[in-house]
Amino acid sequence: LALYKKTMEDRLLETYQQLTEANQKLTQEIENHKKARQALQINHAKY
């Protein structure tokens, strides 16, 4: 039971880390998209 509990905790930790990395990546992509959109709006206004 102790070994099973440890295995489950490790899997949960791994899943949490994967979700955290995916969330960070998504946040960065959203930020990049936001910056690209702002740059496009500025260029459009200049054009």
All heavy atoms as atom14 arrays in JSON, in Angstrom:
{
  "sequence": "LALYKKTMEDRLLETYQQLTEANQKLTQEIENHKKARQALQINHAKY",
  "atom14_mask": [
    [1, 1, 1, 1, 1, 1, 1, 1, 0, 0, 0, 0, 0, 0],
    [1, 1, 1, 1, 1, 0, 0, 0, 0, 0, 0, 0, 0, 0],
    [1, 1, 1, 1, 1, 1, 1, 1, 0, 0, 0, 0, 0, 0],
    [1, 1, 1, 1, 1, 1, 1, 1, 1, 1, 1, 1, 0, 0],
    [1, 1, 1, 1, 1, 1, 1, 1, 1, 0, 0, 0, 0, 0],
    [1, 1, 1, 1, 1, 1, 1, 1, 1, 0, 0, 0, 0, 0],
    [1, 1, 1, 1, 1, 1, 1, 0, 0, 0, 0, 0, 0, 0],
    [1, 1, 1, 1, 1, 1, 1, 1, 0, 0, 0, 0, 0, 0],
    [1, 1, 1, 1, 1, 1, 1, 1, 1, 0, 0, 0, 0, 0],
    [1, 1, 1, 1, 1, 1, 1, 1, 0, 0, 0, 0, 0, 0],
    [1, 1, 1, 1, 1, 1, 1, 1, 1, 1, 1, 0, 0, 0],
    [1, 1, 1, 1, 1, 1, 1, 1, 0, 0, 0, 0, 0, 0],
    [1, 1, 1, 1, 1, 1, 1, 1, 0, 0, 0, 0, 0, 0],
    [1, 1, 1, 1, 1, 1, 1, 1, 1, 0, 0, 0, 0, 0],
    [1, 1, 1, 1, 1, 1, 1, 0, 0, 0, 0, 0, 0, 0],
    [1, 1, 1, 1, 1, 1, 1, 1, 1, 1, 1, 1, 0, 0],
    [1, 1, 1, 1, 1, 1, 1, 1, 1, 0, 0, 0, 0, 0],
    [1, 1, 1, 1, 1, 1, 1, 1, 1, 0, 0, 0, 0, 0],
    [1, 1, 1, 1, 1, 1, 1, 1, 0, 0, 0, 0, 0, 0],
    [1, 1, 1, 1, 1, 1, 1, 0, 0, 0, 0, 0, 0, 0],
    [1, 1, 1, 1, 1, 1, 1, 1, 1, 0, 0, 0, 0, 0],
    [1, 1, 1, 1, 1, 0, 0, 0, 0, 0, 0, 0, 0, 0],
    [1, 1, 1, 1, 1, 1, 1, 1, 0, 0, 0, 0, 0, 0],
    [1, 1, 1, 1, 1, 1, 1, 1, 1, 0, 0, 0, 0, 0],
    [1, 1, 1, 1, 1, 1, 1, 1, 1, 0, 0, 0, 0, 0],
    [1, 1, 1, 1, 1, 1, 1, 1, 0, 0, 0, 0, 0, 0],
    [1, 1, 1, 1, 1, 1, 1, 0, 0, 0, 0, 0, 0, 0],
    [1, 1, 1, 1, 1, 1, 1, 1, 1, 0, 0, 0, 0, 0],
    [1, 1, 1, 1, 1, 1, 1, 1, 1, 0, 0, 0, 0, 0],
    [1, 1, 1, 1, 1, 1, 1, 1, 0, 0, 0, 0, 0, 0],
    [1, 1, 1, 1, 1, 1, 1, 1, 1, 0, 0, 0, 0, 0],
    [1, 1, 1, 1, 1, 1, 1, 1, 0, 0, 0, 0, 0, 0],
    [1, 1, 1, 1, 1, 1, 1, 1, 1, 1, 0, 0, 0, 0],
    [1, 1, 1, 1, 1, 1, 1, 1, 1, 0, 0, 0, 0, 0],
    [1, 1, 1, 1, 1, 1, 1, 1, 1, 0, 0, 0, 0, 0],
    [1, 1, 1, 1, 1, 0, 0, 0, 0, 0, 0, 0, 0, 0],
    [1, 1, 1, 1, 1, 1, 1, 1, 1, 1, 1, 0, 0, 0],
    [1, 1, 1, 1, 1, 1, 1, 1, 1, 0, 0, 0, 0, 0],
    [1, 1, 1, 1, 1, 0, 0, 0, 0, 0, 0, 0, 0, 0],
    [1, 1, 1, 1, 1, 1, 1, 1, 0, 0, 0, 0, 0, 0],
    [1, 1, 1, 1, 1, 1, 1, 1, 1, 0, 0, 0, 0, 0],
    [1, 1, 1, 1, 1, 1, 1, 1, 0, 0, 0, 0, 0, 0],
    [1, 1, 1, 1, 1, 1, 1, 1, 0, 0, 0, 0, 0, 0],
    [1, 1, 1, 1, 1, 1, 1, 1, 1, 1, 0, 0, 0, 0],
    [1, 1, 1, 1, 1, 0, 0, 0, 0, 0, 0, 0, 0, 0],
    [1, 1, 1, 1, 1, 1, 1, 1, 1, 0, 0, 0, 0, 0],
    [1, 1, 1, 1, 1, 1, 1, 1, 1, 1, 1, 1, 0, 0]
  ],
  "atom14_positions": [
    [[0.83, -1.21, 0.0], [0.0, 0.0, 0.0], [0.87, 1.25, 0.0], [0.56, 2.24, -0.69], [-0.93, 0.0, 1.21], [-2.12, -0.97, 1.16], [-2.89, -0.93, 2.48], [-3.05, -0.62, 0.0], [0.0, 0.0, 0.0], [0.0, 0.0, 0.0], [0.0, 0.0, 0.0], [0.0, 0.0, 0.0], [0.0, 0.0, 0.0], [0.0, 0.0, 0.0]],
    [[1.95, 1.23, 0.77], [2.86, 2.38, 0.81], [3.5, 2.62, -0.54], [3.61, 3.76, -1.01], [3.92, 2.16, 1.88], [0.0, 0.0, 0.0], [0.0, 0.0, 0.0], [0.0, 0.0, 0.0], [0.0, 0.0, 0.0], [0.0, 0.0, 0.0], [0.0, 0.0, 0.0], [0.0, 0.0, 0.0], [0.0, 0.0, 0.0], [0.0, 0.0, 0.0]],
    [[3.93, 1.55, -1.17], [4.56, 1.67, -2.49], [3.55, 2.14, -3.54], [3.89, 2.93, -4.43], [5.18, 0.34, -2.9], [6.42, -0.09, -2.1], [6.77, -1.54, -2.38], [7.6, 0.83, -2.41], [0.0, 0.0, 0.0], [0.0, 0.0, 0.0], [0.0, 0.0, 0.0], [0.0, 0.0, 0.0], [0.0, 0.0, 0.0], [0.0, 0.0, 0.0]],
    [[2.33, 1.66, -3.44], [1.28, 2.09, -4.36], [0.98, 3.58, -4.17], [0.84, 4.33, -5.15], [0.01, 1.28, -4.13], [-1.16, 1.71, -5.0], [-1.22, 1.34, -6.34], [-2.18, 2.5, -4.48], [-2.28, 1.74, -7.15], [-3.24, 2.91, -5.27], [-3.29, 2.53, -6.6], [-4.34, 2.95, -7.39], [0.0, 0.0, 0.0], [0.0, 0.0, 0.0]],
    [[0.9, 4.0, -2.91], [0.66, 5.42, -2.62], [1.78, 6.28, -3.19], [1.53, 7.34, -3.79], [0.57, 5.63, -1.11], [0.35, 7.09, -0.7], [0.3, 7.24, 0.81], [0.15, 8.71, 1.19], [0.16, 8.88, 2.68], [0.0, 0.0, 0.0], [0.0, 0.0, 0.0], [0.0, 0.0, 0.0], [0.0, 0.0, 0.0], [0.0, 0.0, 0.0]],
    [[3.01, 5.82, -3.04], [4.16, 6.57, -3.57], [4.08, 6.66, -5.09], [4.34, 7.72, -5.68], [5.45, 5.88, -3.15], [6.72, 6.47, -3.76], [6.91, 7.93, -3.38], [8.24, 8.44, -3.92], [8.39, 9.89, -3.7], [0.0, 0.0, 0.0], [0.0, 0.0, 0.0], [0.0, 0.0, 0.0], [0.0, 0.0, 0.0], [0.0, 0.0, 0.0]],
    [[3.72, 5.56, -5.75], [3.59, 5.56, -7.21], [2.53, 6.55, -7.66], [2.74, 7.31, -8.62], [3.22, 4.15, -7.72], [4.26, 3.24, -7.36], [3.06, 4.14, -9.23], [0.0, 0.0, 0.0], [0.0, 0.0, 0.0], [0.0, 0.0, 0.0], [0.0, 0.0, 0.0], [0.0, 0.0, 0.0], [0.0, 0.0, 0.0], [0.0, 0.0, 0.0]],
    [[1.39, 6.56, -6.98], [0.31, 7.48, -7.34], [0.73, 8.94, -7.12], [0.42, 9.82, -7.93], [-0.94, 7.17, -6.51], [-1.62, 5.85, -6.84], [-2.17, 5.73, -8.58], [-0.84, 4.74, -9.3], [0.0, 0.0, 0.0], [0.0, 0.0, 0.0], [0.0, 0.0, 0.0], [0.0, 0.0, 0.0], [0.0, 0.0, 0.0], [0.0, 0.0, 0.0]],
    [[1.44, 9.19, -6.02], [1.92, 10.55, -5.74], [2.89, 11.01, -6.83], [2.85, 12.16, -7.27], [2.59, 10.61, -4.37], [1.61, 10.54, -3.21], [2.29, 10.73, -1.88], [3.55, 10.83, -1.85], [1.59, 10.78, -0.85], [0.0, 0.0, 0.0], [0.0, 0.0, 0.0], [0.0, 0.0, 0.0], [0.0, 0.0, 0.0], [0.0, 0.0, 0.0]],
    [[3.77, 10.11, -7.25], [4.74, 10.45, -8.3], [4.02, 10.76, -9.61], [4.4, 11.68, -10.35], [5.74, 9.31, -8.5], [6.71, 9.19, -7.34], [6.81, 10.13, -6.54], [7.36, 8.12, -7.22], [0.0, 0.0, 0.0], [0.0, 0.0, 0.0], [0.0, 0.0, 0.0], [0.0, 0.0, 0.0], [0.0, 0.0, 0.0], [0.0, 0.0, 0.0]],
    [[3.0, 9.97, -9.93], [2.25, 10.19, -11.16], [1.5, 11.52, -11.12], [1.46, 12.25, -12.11], [1.27, 9.04, -11.39], [1.95, 7.73, -11.81], [0.93, 6.63, -12.02], [1.56, 5.37, -12.37], [0.92, 4.23, -12.54], [-0.41, 4.19, -12.39], [1.57, 3.13, -12.84], [0.0, 0.0, 0.0], [0.0, 0.0, 0.0], [0.0, 0.0, 0.0]],
    [[0.91, 11.81, -9.96], [0.2, 13.08, -9.8], [1.16, 14.26, -9.94], [0.84, 15.27, -10.56], [-0.5, 13.12, -8.45], [-1.77, 12.28, -8.31], [-2.28, 12.29, -6.87], [-2.87, 12.79, -9.25], [0.0, 0.0, 0.0], [0.0, 0.0, 0.0], [0.0, 0.0, 0.0], [0.0, 0.0, 0.0], [0.0, 0.0, 0.0], [0.0, 0.0, 0.0]],
    [[2.34, 14.11, -9.33], [3.34, 15.18, -9.42], [3.79, 15.37, -10.86], [3.92, 16.51, -11.34], [4.55, 14.84, -8.54], [5.71, 15.84, -8.58], [5.23, 17.21, -8.12], [6.85, 15.35, -7.71], [0.0, 0.0, 0.0], [0.0, 0.0, 0.0], [0.0, 0.0, 0.0], [0.0, 0.0, 0.0], [0.0, 0.0, 0.0], [0.0, 0.0, 0.0]],
    [[4.0, 14.27, -11.58], [4.4, 14.34, -12.98], [3.32, 15.02, -13.82], [3.61, 15.87, -14.67], [4.68, 12.95, -13.51], [5.16, 12.93, -14.96], [5.42, 11.53, -15.47], [5.25, 10.56, -14.7], [5.8, 11.39, -16.66], [0.0, 0.0, 0.0], [0.0, 0.0, 0.0], [0.0, 0.0, 0.0], [0.0, 0.0, 0.0], [0.0, 0.0, 0.0]],
    [[2.06, 14.64, -13.57], [0.94, 15.25, -14.3], [0.84, 16.73, -13.99], [0.63, 17.56, -14.89], [-0.38, 14.56, -13.92], [-0.31, 13.17, -14.25], [-1.56, 15.19, -14.67], [0.0, 0.0, 0.0], [0.0, 0.0, 0.0], [0.0, 0.0, 0.0], [0.0, 0.0, 0.0], [0.0, 0.0, 0.0], [0.0, 0.0, 0.0], [0.0, 0.0, 0.0]],
    [[1.02, 17.09, -12.72], [0.97, 18.5, -12.32], [2.08, 19.3, -13.02], [1.84, 20.41, -13.52], [1.13, 18.61, -10.81], [1.28, 20.03, -10.32], [0.17, 20.87, -10.21], [2.53, 20.54, -9.98], [0.31, 22.18, -9.77], [2.68, 21.84, -9.53], [1.56, 22.66, -9.43], [1.72, 23.95, -9.01], [0.0, 0.0, 0.0], [0.0, 0.0, 0.0]],
    [[3.27, 18.72, -13.07], [4.39, 19.4, -13.73], [4.13, 19.57, -15.22], [4.42, 20.62, -15.79], [5.68, 18.62, -13.5], [6.16, 18.64, -12.05], [7.34, 17.73, -11.79], [7.57, 16.78, -12.55], [8.08, 17.98, -10.74], [0.0, 0.0, 0.0], [0.0, 0.0, 0.0], [0.0, 0.0, 0.0], [0.0, 0.0, 0.0], [0.0, 0.0, 0.0]],
    [[3.55, 18.55, -15.85], [3.23, 18.63, -17.27], [2.18, 19.7, -17.53], [2.28, 20.47, -18.49], [2.75, 17.27, -17.77], [3.83, 16.2, -17.82], [3.29, 14.83, -18.18], [2.09, 14.59, -18.13], [4.17, 13.91, -18.53], [0.0, 0.0, 0.0], [0.0, 0.0, 0.0], [0.0, 0.0, 0.0], [0.0, 0.0, 0.0], [0.0, 0.0, 0.0]],
    [[1.16, 19.75, -16.66], [0.11, 20.75, -16.81], [0.66, 22.15, -16.58], [0.27, 23.1, -17.27], [-1.04, 20.46, -15.83], [-1.9, 19.23, -16.14], [-2.89, 18.99, -15.02], [-2.64, 19.42, -17.46], [0.0, 0.0, 0.0], [0.0, 0.0, 0.0], [0.0, 0.0, 0.0], [0.0, 0.0, 0.0], [0.0, 0.0, 0.0], [0.0, 0.0, 0.0]],
    [[1.56, 22.27, -15.61], [2.18, 23.58, -15.34], [2.99, 24.05, -16.53], [2.91, 25.22, -16.94], [3.09, 23.48, -14.1], [2.31, 23.09, -12.96], [3.75, 24.83, -13.81], [0.0, 0.0, 0.0], [0.0, 0.0, 0.0], [0.0, 0.0, 0.0], [0.0, 0.0, 0.0], [0.0, 0.0, 0.0], [0.0, 0.0, 0.0], [0.0, 0.0, 0.0]],
    [[3.78, 23.14, -17.11], [4.58, 23.49, -18.29], [3.68, 23.86, -19.47], [3.96, 24.82, -20.2], [5.48, 22.31, -18.66], [6.59, 22.05, -17.65], [7.38, 20.79, -17.98], [7.08, 20.17, -19.01], [8.3, 20.46, -17.2], [0.0, 0.0, 0.0], [0.0, 0.0, 0.0], [0.0, 0.0, 0.0], [0.0, 0.0, 0.0], [0.0, 0.0, 0.0]],
    [[2.59, 23.09, -19.66], [1.67, 23.38, -20.75], [0.99, 24.72, -20.54], [0.8, 25.49, -21.49], [0.61, 22.27, -20.85], [0.0, 0.0, 0.0], [0.0, 0.0, 0.0], [0.0, 0.0, 0.0], [0.0, 0.0, 0.0], [0.0, 0.0, 0.0], [0.0, 0.0, 0.0], [0.0, 0.0, 0.0], [0.0, 0.0, 0.0], [0.0, 0.0, 0.0]],
    [[0.65, 25.03, -19.29], [0.01, 26.31, -18.98], [0.97, 27.47, -19.23], [0.57, 28.52, -19.76], [-0.46, 26.32, -17.52], [-1.19, 27.59, -17.15], [-2.24, 27.91, -17.7], [-0.64, 28.33, -16.22], [0.0, 0.0, 0.0], [0.0, 0.0, 0.0], [0.0, 0.0, 0.0], [0.0, 0.0, 0.0], [0.0, 0.0, 0.0], [0.0, 0.0, 0.0]],
    [[2.22, 27.28, -18.84], [3.23, 28.32, -19.07], [3.44, 28.55, -20.56], [3.56, 29.7, -21.02], [4.54, 27.93, -18.4], [4.48, 27.93, -16.88], [5.75, 27.4, -16.25], [6.55, 26.72, -16.88], [5.94, 27.7, -14.98], [0.0, 0.0, 0.0], [0.0, 0.0, 0.0], [0.0, 0.0, 0.0], [0.0, 0.0, 0.0], [0.0, 0.0, 0.0]],
    [[3.46, 27.45, -21.31], [3.63, 27.55, -22.76], [2.44, 28.27, -23.4], [2.62, 29.14, -24.27], [3.78, 26.16, -23.36], [4.05, 26.17, -24.85], [4.24, 24.75, -25.39], [4.5, 24.76, -26.89], [4.68, 23.37, -27.42], [0.0, 0.0, 0.0], [0.0, 0.0, 0.0], [0.0, 0.0, 0.0], [0.0, 0.0, 0.0], [0.0, 0.0, 0.0]],
    [[1.23, 27.9, -22.95], [0.03, 28.54, -23.48], [-0.01, 30.02, -23.13], [-0.37, 30.86, -23.98], [-1.21, 27.84, -22.92], [-2.57, 28.4, -23.36], [-2.71, 28.33, -24.88], [-3.71, 27.65, -22.68], [0.0, 0.0, 0.0], [0.0, 0.0, 0.0], [0.0, 0.0, 0.0], [0.0, 0.0, 0.0], [0.0, 0.0, 0.0], [0.0, 0.0, 0.0]],
    [[0.38, 30.34, -21.9], [0.41, 31.75, -21.47], [1.39, 32.55, -22.34], [1.1, 33.68, -22.74], [0.83, 31.84, -19.99], [-0.12, 31.13, -19.19], [0.88, 33.3, -19.54], [0.0, 0.0, 0.0], [0.0, 0.0, 0.0], [0.0, 0.0, 0.0], [0.0, 0.0, 0.0], [0.0, 0.0, 0.0], [0.0, 0.0, 0.0], [0.0, 0.0, 0.0]],
    [[2.55, 31.94, -22.64], [3.54, 32.61, -23.48], [3.03, 32.8, -24.89], [3.23, 33.85, -25.52], [4.84, 31.8, -23.49], [5.99, 32.49, -24.22], [6.36, 33.82, -23.6], [6.56, 33.9, -22.39], [6.44, 34.87, -24.41], [0.0, 0.0, 0.0], [0.0, 0.0, 0.0], [0.0, 0.0, 0.0], [0.0, 0.0, 0.0], [0.0, 0.0, 0.0]],
    [[2.34, 31.78, -25.41], [1.78, 31.88, -26.76], [0.71, 32.97, -26.84], [0.64, 33.71, -27.83], [1.19, 30.53, -27.18], [2.24, 29.47, -27.46], [1.63, 28.12, -27.82], [0.38, 28.01, -27.72], [2.38, 27.21, -28.19], [0.0, 0.0, 0.0], [0.0, 0.0, 0.0], [0.0, 0.0, 0.0], [0.0, 0.0, 0.0], [0.0, 0.0, 0.0]],
    [[-0.12, 33.06, -25.8], [-1.14, 34.11, -25.75], [-0.49, 35.48, -25.71], [-0.93, 36.42, -26.39], [-2.05, 33.9, -24.52], [-2.9, 32.64, -24.7], [-2.95, 35.12, -24.3], [-3.72, 32.27, -23.49], [0.0, 0.0, 0.0], [0.0, 0.0, 0.0], [0.0, 0.0, 0.0], [0.0, 0.0, 0.0], [0.0, 0.0, 0.0], [0.0, 0.0, 0.0]],
    [[0.58, 35.59, -24.92], [1.29, 36.86, -24.81], [1.94, 37.23, -26.14], [1.89, 38.4, -26.57], [2.35, 36.77, -23.71], [3.1, 38.06, -23.44], [2.22, 39.18, -22.93], [1.16, 38.87, -22.34], [2.57, 40.36, -23.13], [0.0, 0.0, 0.0], [0.0, 0.0, 0.0], [0.0, 0.0, 0.0], [0.0, 0.0, 0.0], [0.0, 0.0, 0.0]],
    [[2.53, 36.24, -26.81], [3.14, 36.49, -28.11], [2.09, 36.9, -29.14], [2.32, 37.79, -29.97], [3.87, 35.24, -28.59], [5.1, 34.92, -27.76], [5.63, 35.8, -27.07], [5.56, 33.68, -27.81], [0.0, 0.0, 0.0], [0.0, 0.0, 0.0], [0.0, 0.0, 0.0], [0.0, 0.0, 0.0], [0.0, 0.0, 0.0], [0.0, 0.0, 0.0]],
    [[0.93, 36.23, -29.08], [-0.16, 36.57, -29.99], [-0.66, 37.99, -29.74], [-0.94, 38.74, -30.69], [-1.3, 35.57, -29.81], [-2.5, 35.85, -30.68], [-2.5, 35.61, -32.04], [-3.72, 36.39, -30.38], [-3.68, 35.97, -32.54], [-4.43, 36.44, -31.55], [0.0, 0.0, 0.0], [0.0, 0.0, 0.0], [0.0, 0.0, 0.0], [0.0, 0.0, 0.0]],
    [[-0.74, 38.34, -28.47], [-1.19, 39.68, -28.1], [-0.22, 40.74, -28.63], [-0.64, 41.77, -29.18], [-1.3, 39.78, -26.58], [-1.8, 41.13, -26.07], [-1.89, 41.12, -24.56], [-2.36, 42.48, -24.03], [-2.42, 42.48, -22.53], [0.0, 0.0, 0.0], [0.0, 0.0, 0.0], [0.0, 0.0, 0.0], [0.0, 0.0, 0.0], [0.0, 0.0, 0.0]],
    [[1.08, 40.48, -28.46], [2.09, 41.42, -28.94], [2.05, 41.52, -30.47], [2.18, 42.62, -31.03], [3.48, 40.98, -28.48], [3.7, 41.12, -26.99], [5.1, 40.66, -26.6], [5.32, 40.83, -25.1], [6.67, 40.35, -24.69], [0.0, 0.0, 0.0], [0.0, 0.0, 0.0], [0.0, 0.0, 0.0], [0.0, 0.0, 0.0], [0.0, 0.0, 0.0]],
    [[1.88, 40.37, -31.14], [1.82, 40.37, -32.6], [0.6, 41.15, -33.09], [0.66, 41.89, -34.07], [1.76, 38.94, -33.12], [0.0, 0.0, 0.0], [0.0, 0.0, 0.0], [0.0, 0.0, 0.0], [0.0, 0.0, 0.0], [0.0, 0.0, 0.0], [0.0, 0.0, 0.0], [0.0, 0.0, 0.0], [0.0, 0.0, 0.0], [0.0, 0.0, 0.0]],
    [[-0.52, 40.98, -32.37], [-1.75, 41.69, -32.75], [-1.58, 43.2, -32.56], [-2.02, 43.99, -33.39], [-2.91, 41.18, -31.91], [-4.27, 41.76, -32.3], [-5.37, 41.13, -31.5], [-6.67, 41.67, -31.87], [-7.81, 41.31, -31.32], [-7.82, 40.38, -30.38], [-8.95, 41.85, -31.71], [0.0, 0.0, 0.0], [0.0, 0.0, 0.0], [0.0, 0.0, 0.0]],
    [[-0.95, 43.58, -31.45], [-0.71, 44.99, -31.2], [0.21, 45.59, -32.27], [-0.03, 46.7, -32.75], [-0.09, 45.18, -29.81], [-1.05, 44.89, -28.66], [-0.38, 44.93, -27.3], [0.85, 44.82, -27.2], [-1.16, 45.09, -26.25], [0.0, 0.0, 0.0], [0.0, 0.0, 0.0], [0.0, 0.0, 0.0], [0.0, 0.0, 0.0], [0.0, 0.0, 0.0]],
    [[1.24, 44.8, -32.63], [2.16, 45.27, -33.67], [1.43, 45.41, -35.0], [1.67, 46.37, -35.76], [3.33, 44.3, -33.81], [0.0, 0.0, 0.0], [0.0, 0.0, 0.0], [0.0, 0.0, 0.0], [0.0, 0.0, 0.0], [0.0, 0.0, 0.0], [0.0, 0.0, 0.0], [0.0, 0.0, 0.0], [0.0, 0.0, 0.0], [0.0, 0.0, 0.0]],
    [[0.54, 44.48, -35.3], [-0.22, 44.53, -36.54], [-1.14, 45.74, -36.57], [-1.28, 46.41, -37.6], [-1.05, 43.24, -36.69], [-1.87, 43.1, -37.97], [-0.95, 43.09, -39.19], [-2.72, 41.83, -37.93], [0.0, 0.0, 0.0], [0.0, 0.0, 0.0], [0.0, 0.0, 0.0], [0.0, 0.0, 0.0], [0.0, 0.0, 0.0], [0.0, 0.0, 0.0]],
    [[-1.76, 46.03, -35.42], [-2.65, 47.19, -35.34], [-1.86, 48.49, -35.55], [-2.33, 49.41, -36.22], [-3.35, 47.2, -33.98], [-4.39, 46.1, -33.81], [-4.96, 46.04, -32.41], [-4.34, 46.53, -31.45], [-6.13, 45.43, -32.28], [0.0, 0.0, 0.0], [0.0, 0.0, 0.0], [0.0, 0.0, 0.0], [0.0, 0.0, 0.0], [0.0, 0.0, 0.0]],
    [[-0.66, 48.54, -34.96], [0.17, 49.73, -35.13], [0.58, 49.9, -36.59], [0.51, 50.99, -37.16], [1.42, 49.64, -34.22], [1.0, 49.72, -32.76], [2.42, 50.74, -34.57], [2.14, 49.46, -31.79], [0.0, 0.0, 0.0], [0.0, 0.0, 0.0], [0.0, 0.0, 0.0], [0.0, 0.0, 0.0], [0.0, 0.0, 0.0], [0.0, 0.0, 0.0]],
    [[1.0, 48.78, -37.21], [1.41, 48.83, -38.61], [0.24, 49.21, -39.52], [0.4, 49.94, -40.5], [1.98, 47.48, -39.04], [3.33, 47.21, -38.42], [4.05, 48.13, -38.02], [3.69, 45.93, -38.28], [0.0, 0.0, 0.0], [0.0, 0.0, 0.0], [0.0, 0.0, 0.0], [0.0, 0.0, 0.0], [0.0, 0.0, 0.0], [0.0, 0.0, 0.0]],
    [[-0.94, 48.67, -39.17], [-2.13, 49.0, -39.96], [-2.44, 50.49, -39.86], [-2.81, 51.12, -40.87], [-3.32, 48.17, -39.47], [-4.59, 48.47, -40.2], [-4.83, 48.04, -41.49], [-5.69, 49.21, -39.84], [-6.02, 48.45, -41.88], [-6.56, 49.16, -40.89], [0.0, 0.0, 0.0], [0.0, 0.0, 0.0], [0.0, 0.0, 0.0], [0.0, 0.0, 0.0]],
    [[-2.32, 51.02, -38.65], [-2.59, 52.45, -38.46], [-1.6, 53.3, -39.25], [-1.97, 54.31, -39.87], [-2.52, 52.78, -36.97], [0.0, 0.0, 0.0], [0.0, 0.0, 0.0], [0.0, 0.0, 0.0], [0.0, 0.0, 0.0], [0.0, 0.0, 0.0], [0.0, 0.0, 0.0], [0.0, 0.0, 0.0], [0.0, 0.0, 0.0], [0.0, 0.0, 0.0]],
    [[-0.32, 52.88, -39.24], [0.69, 53.61, -40.0], [0.4, 53.52, -41.51], [0.53, 54.52, -42.23], [2.08, 53.05, -39.7], [2.57, 53.33, -38.29], [3.95, 52.72, -38.07], [4.48, 53.04, -36.68], [5.81, 52.43, -36.45], [0.0, 0.0, 0.0], [0.0, 0.0, 0.0], [0.0, 0.0, 0.0], [0.0, 0.0, 0.0], [0.0, 0.0, 0.0]],
    [[0.04, 52.3, -41.93], [-0.28, 52.11, -43.34], [-1.49, 52.95, -43.75], [-1.48, 53.6, -44.81], [-0.56, 50.63, -43.6], [-1.15, 50.34, -44.96], [-0.34, 50.3, -46.09], [-2.52, 50.12, -45.11], [-0.87, 50.03, -47.34], [-3.07, 49.87, -46.36], [-2.24, 49.82, -47.47], [-2.78, 49.56, -48.7], [0.0, 0.0, 0.0], [0.0, 0.0, 0.0]]
  ]
}
